Amino acid sequence: MSKSIKLLAAFGFIATVAACAQEQQVEEFVVVDPEPISQEPVYTGKYK
């Protein structure tokens, strides 16, 4: 075989192995309750 055919075959083999070797990453979604932007005023008496 010629060198170019061997090179293409080797490149194809390496590309196939690399594509099959990738692990699927599972993303975890974390839901966080948002904090209130401002707190409501607290009742402290009539004129305090």
PDB file of N, CA and C in Angstrom:
ATOM      1  N   MET A   1       0.840  -1.181   0.000  1.00  0.00           N
ATOM      2  CA  MET A   1       0.000   0.000   0.000  1.00  0.00           C
ATOM      3  C   MET A   1       0.884   1.244   0.000  1.00  0.00           C
ATOM      4  N   SER A   2       0.330   2.282  -0.523  1.00  0.00           N
ATOM      5  CA  SER A   2       1.102   3.522  -0.547  1.00  0.00           C
ATOM      6  C   SER A   2       1.052   4.196   0.824  1.00  0.00           C
ATOM      7  N   LYS A   3       1.961   5.109   1.025  1.00  0.00           N
ATOM      8  CA  LYS A   3       2.046   5.788   2.316  1.00  0.00           C
ATOM      9  C   LYS A   3       0.805   6.620   2.597  1.00  0.00           C
ATOM     10  N   SER A   4       0.218   7.230   1.569  1.00  0.00           N
ATOM     11  CA  SER A   4      -0.952   8.077   1.795  1.00  0.00           C
ATOM     12  C   SER A   4      -2.155   7.248   2.235  1.00  0.00           C
ATOM     13  N   ILE A   5      -2.304   6.038   1.689  1.00  0.00           N
ATOM     14  CA  ILE A   5      -3.422   5.186   2.096  1.00  0.00           C
ATOM     15  C   ILE A   5      -3.226   4.736   3.543  1.00  0.00           C
ATOM     16  N   LYS A   6      -2.001   4.374   3.900  1.00  0.00           N
ATOM     17  CA  LYS A   6      -1.720   3.977   5.272  1.00  0.00           C
ATOM     18  C   LYS A   6      -1.964   5.134   6.236  1.00  0.00           C
ATOM     19  N   LEU A   7      -1.579   6.326   5.816  1.00  0.00           N
ATOM     20  CA  LEU A   7      -1.776   7.509   6.666  1.00  0.00           C
ATOM     21  C   LEU A   7      -3.258   7.788   6.861  1.00  0.00           C
ATOM     22  N   LEU A   8      -4.044   7.701   5.787  1.00  0.00           N
ATOM     23  CA  LEU A   8      -5.483   7.928   5.900  1.00  0.00           C
ATOM     24  C   LEU A   8      -6.147   6.851   6.757  1.00  0.00           C
ATOM     25  N   ALA A   9      -5.707   5.607   6.613  1.00  0.00           N
ATOM     26  CA  ALA A   9      -6.273   4.530   7.412  1.00  0.00           C
ATOM     27  C   ALA A   9      -5.948   4.738   8.894  1.00  0.00           C
ATOM     28  N   ALA A  10      -4.701   5.126   9.185  1.00  0.00           N
ATOM     29  CA  ALA A  10      -4.316   5.373  10.570  1.00  0.00           C
ATOM     30  C   ALA A  10      -5.086   6.549  11.154  1.00  0.00           C
ATOM     31  N   PHE A  11      -5.252   7.606  10.376  1.00  0.00           N
ATOM     32  CA  PHE A  11      -6.011   8.770  10.846  1.00  0.00           C
ATOM     33  C   PHE A  11      -7.466   8.392  11.105  1.00  0.00           C
ATOM     34  N   GLY A  12      -8.060   7.608  10.226  1.00  0.00           N
ATOM     35  CA  GLY A  12      -9.448   7.169  10.414  1.00  0.00           C
ATOM     36  C   GLY A  12      -9.601   6.306  11.654  1.00  0.00           C
ATOM     37  N   PHE A  13      -8.626   5.412  11.877  1.00  0.00           N
ATOM     38  CA  PHE A  13      -8.680   4.559  13.062  1.00  0.00           C
ATOM     39  C   PHE A  13      -8.569   5.386  14.336  1.00  0.00           C
ATOM     40  N   ILE A  14      -7.642   6.322  14.351  1.00  0.00           N
ATOM     41  CA  ILE A  14      -7.457   7.174  15.540  1.00  0.00           C
ATOM     42  C   ILE A  14      -8.694   8.033  15.781  1.00  0.00           C
ATOM     43  N   ALA A  15      -9.287   8.558  14.721  1.00  0.00           N
ATOM     44  CA  ALA A  15     -10.493   9.378  14.872  1.00  0.00           C
ATOM     45  C   ALA A  15     -11.650   8.541  15.406  1.00  0.00           C
ATOM     46  N   THR A  16     -11.765   7.303  14.940  1.00  0.00           N
ATOM     47  CA  THR A  16     -12.841   6.425  15.413  1.00  0.00           C
ATOM     48  C   THR A  16     -12.652   6.083  16.887  1.00  0.00           C
ATOM     49  N   VAL A  17     -11.436   5.760  17.268  1.00  0.00           N
ATOM     50  CA  VAL A  17     -11.166   5.430  18.674  1.00  0.00           C
ATOM     51  C   VAL A  17     -11.412   6.648  19.560  1.00  0.00           C
ATOM     52  N   ALA A  18     -11.014   7.822  19.106  1.00  0.00           N
ATOM     53  CA  ALA A  18     -11.213   9.032  19.904  1.00  0.00           C
ATOM     54  C   ALA A  18     -12.700   9.358  20.054  1.00  0.00           C
ATOM     55  N   ALA A  19     -13.467   9.122  18.993  1.00  0.00           N
ATOM     56  CA  ALA A  19     -14.900   9.424  19.054  1.00  0.00           C
ATOM     57  C   ALA A  19     -15.615   8.452  19.986  1.00  0.00           C
ATOM     58  N   CYS A  20     -15.202   7.208  19.996  1.00  0.00           N
ATOM     59  CA  CYS A  20     -15.852   6.208  20.839  1.00  0.00           C
ATOM     60  C   CYS A  20     -15.391   6.299  22.295  1.00  0.00           C
ATOM     61  N   ALA A  21     -14.227   6.870  22.537  1.00  0.00           N
ATOM     62  CA  ALA A  21     -13.672   6.916  23.877  1.00  0.00           C
ATOM     63  C   ALA A  21     -14.205   8.079  24.697  1.00  0.00           C
ATOM     64  N   GLN A  22     -14.928   9.008  24.096  1.00  0.00           N
ATOM     65  CA  GLN A  22     -15.431  10.158  24.845  1.00  0.00           C
ATOM     66  C   GLN A  22     -16.510   9.702  25.806  1.00  0.00           C
ATOM     67  N   GLU A  23     -16.374  10.118  27.056  1.00  0.00           N
ATOM     68  CA  GLU A  23     -17.373   9.790  28.051  1.00  0.00           C
ATOM     69  C   GLU A  23     -18.460  10.857  28.025  1.00  0.00           C
ATOM     70  N   GLN A  24     -19.680  10.415  28.232  1.00  0.00           N
ATOM     71  CA  GLN A  24     -20.779  11.368  28.265  1.00  0.00           C
ATOM     72  C   GLN A  24     -20.830  11.979  29.647  1.00  0.00           C
ATOM     73  N   GLN A  25     -20.798  13.290  29.691  1.00  0.00           N
ATOM     74  CA  GLN A  25     -20.835  13.986  30.963  1.00  0.00           C
ATOM     75  C   GLN A  25     -22.281  14.336  31.282  1.00  0.00           C
ATOM     76  N   VAL A  26     -22.699  13.960  32.472  1.00  0.00           N
ATOM     77  CA  VAL A  26     -24.054  14.251  32.917  1.00  0.00           C
ATOM     78  C   VAL A  26     -24.000  15.516  33.755  1.00  0.00           C
ATOM     79  N   GLU A  27     -24.740  16.518  33.326  1.00  0.00           N
ATOM     80  CA  GLU A  27     -24.761  17.775  34.070  1.00  0.00           C
ATOM     81  C   GLU A  27     -25.827  17.696  35.155  1.00  0.00           C
ATOM     82  N   GLU A  28     -25.458  18.108  36.340  1.00  0.00           N
ATOM     83  CA  GLU A  28     -26.416  18.134  37.431  1.00  0.00           C
ATOM     84  C   GLU A  28     -26.971  19.545  37.560  1.00  0.00           C
ATOM     85  N   PHE A  29     -28.281  19.639  37.637  1.00  0.00           N
ATOM     86  CA  PHE A  29     -28.931  20.929  37.776  1.00  0.00           C
ATOM     87  C   PHE A  29     -29.298  21.128  39.238  1.00  0.00           C
ATOM     88  N   VAL A  30     -28.816  22.216  39.814  1.00  0.00           N
ATOM     89  CA  VAL A  30     -29.088  22.533  41.206  1.00  0.00           C
ATOM     90  C   VAL A  30     -30.033  23.719  41.233  1.00  0.00           C
ATOM     91  N   VAL A  31     -31.169  23.537  41.886  1.00  0.00           N
ATOM     92  CA  VAL A  31     -32.162  24.603  41.977  1.00  0.00           C
ATOM     93  C   VAL A  31     -32.045  25.231  43.357  1.00  0.00           C
ATOM     94  N   VAL A  32     -31.803  26.528  43.394  1.00  0.00           N
ATOM     95  CA  VAL A  32     -31.653  27.254  44.651  1.00  0.00           C
ATOM     96  C   VAL A  32     -32.793  28.248  44.758  1.00  0.00           C
ATOM     97  N   ASP A  33     -33.442  28.248  45.914  1.00  0.00           N
ATOM     98  CA  ASP A  33     -34.514  29.214  46.123  1.00  0.00           C
ATOM     99  C   ASP A  33     -33.916  30.613  46.190  1.00  0.00           C
ATOM    100  N   PRO A  34     -34.447  31.547  45.417  1.00  0.00           N
ATOM    101  CA  PRO A  34     -33.889  32.906  45.437  1.00  0.00           C
ATOM    102  C   PRO A  34     -34.221  33.618  46.747  1.00  0.00           C
ATOM    103  N   GLU A  35     -33.277  34.418  47.208  1.00  0.00           N
ATOM    104  CA  GLU A  35     -33.508  35.205  48.411  1.00  0.00           C
ATOM    105  C   GLU A  35     -34.341  36.431  48.040  1.00  0.00           C
ATOM    106  N   PRO A  36     -35.164  36.913  48.964  1.00  0.00           N
ATOM    107  CA  PRO A  36     -35.957  38.103  48.655  1.00  0.00           C
ATOM    108  C   PRO A  36     -35.050  39.310  48.394  1.00  0.00           C
ATOM    109  N   ILE A  37     -35.475  40.165  47.497  1.00  0.00           N
ATOM    110  CA  ILE A  37     -34.676  41.338  47.152  1.00  0.00           C
ATOM    111  C   ILE A  37     -34.616  42.300  48.331  1.00  0.00           C
ATOM    112  N   SER A  38     -35.736  42.531  48.948  1.00  0.00           N
ATOM    113  CA  SER A  38     -35.765  43.377  50.141  1.00  0.00           C
ATOM    114  C   SER A  38     -36.737  42.757  51.131  1.00  0.00           C
ATOM    115  N   GLN A  39     -36.457  42.935  52.416  1.00  0.00           N
ATOM    116  CA  GLN A  39     -37.328  42.369  53.429  1.00  0.00           C
ATOM    117  C   GLN A  39     -38.466  43.336  53.726  1.00  0.00           C
ATOM    118  N   GLU A  40     -39.594  42.764  54.092  1.00  0.00           N
ATOM    119  CA  GLU A  40     -40.748  43.593  54.430  1.00  0.00           C
ATOM    120  C   GLU A  40     -40.499  44.262  55.785  1.00  0.00           C
ATOM    121  N   PRO A  41     -41.026  45.469  55.972  1.00  0.00           N
ATOM    122  CA  PRO A  41     -40.823  46.152  57.249  1.00  0.00           C
ATOM    123  C   PRO A  41     -41.494  45.390  58.395  1.00  0.00           C
ATOM    124  N   VAL A  42     -40.849  45.444  59.539  1.00  0.00           N
ATOM    125  CA  VAL A  42     -41.364  44.749  60.716  1.00  0.00           C
ATOM    126  C   VAL A  42     -42.160  45.749  61.550  1.00  0.00           C
ATOM    127  N   TYR A  43     -43.322  45.332  61.996  1.00  0.00           N
ATOM    128  CA  TYR A  43     -44.160  46.201  62.830  1.00  0.00           C
ATOM    129  C   TYR A  43     -43.538  46.335  64.203  1.00  0.00           C
ATOM    130  N   THR A  44     -43.200  47.550  64.620  1.00  0.00           N
ATOM    131  CA  THR A  44     -42.561  47.775  65.915  1.00  0.00           C
ATOM    132  C   THR A  44     -43.436  48.604  66.845  1.00  0.00           C
ATOM    133  N   GLY A  45     -44.585  48.950  66.462  1.00  0.00           N
ATOM    134  CA  GLY A  45     -45.465  49.789  67.286  1.00  0.00           C
ATOM    135  C   GLY A  45     -46.033  50.896  66.412  1.00  0.00           C
ATOM    136  N   LYS A  46     -46.874  51.738  67.021  1.00  0.00           N
ATOM    137  CA  LYS A  46     -47.570  52.745  66.229  1.00  0.00           C
ATOM    138  C   LYS A  46     -46.621  53.844  65.745  1.00  0.00           C
ATOM    139  N   TYR A  47     -45.805  54.431  66.616  1.00  0.00           N
ATOM    140  CA  TYR A  47     -44.972  55.571  66.227  1.00  0.00           C
ATOM    141  C   TYR A  47     -43.493  55.359  66.487  1.00  0.00           C
ATOM    142  N   LYS A  48     -42.997  54.185  66.406  1.00  0.00           N
ATOM    143  CA  LYS A  48     -41.584  53.961  66.671  1.00  0.00           C
ATOM    144  C   LYS A  48     -40.787  54.045  65.426  1.00  0.00           C
TER     145      LYS A  48
END
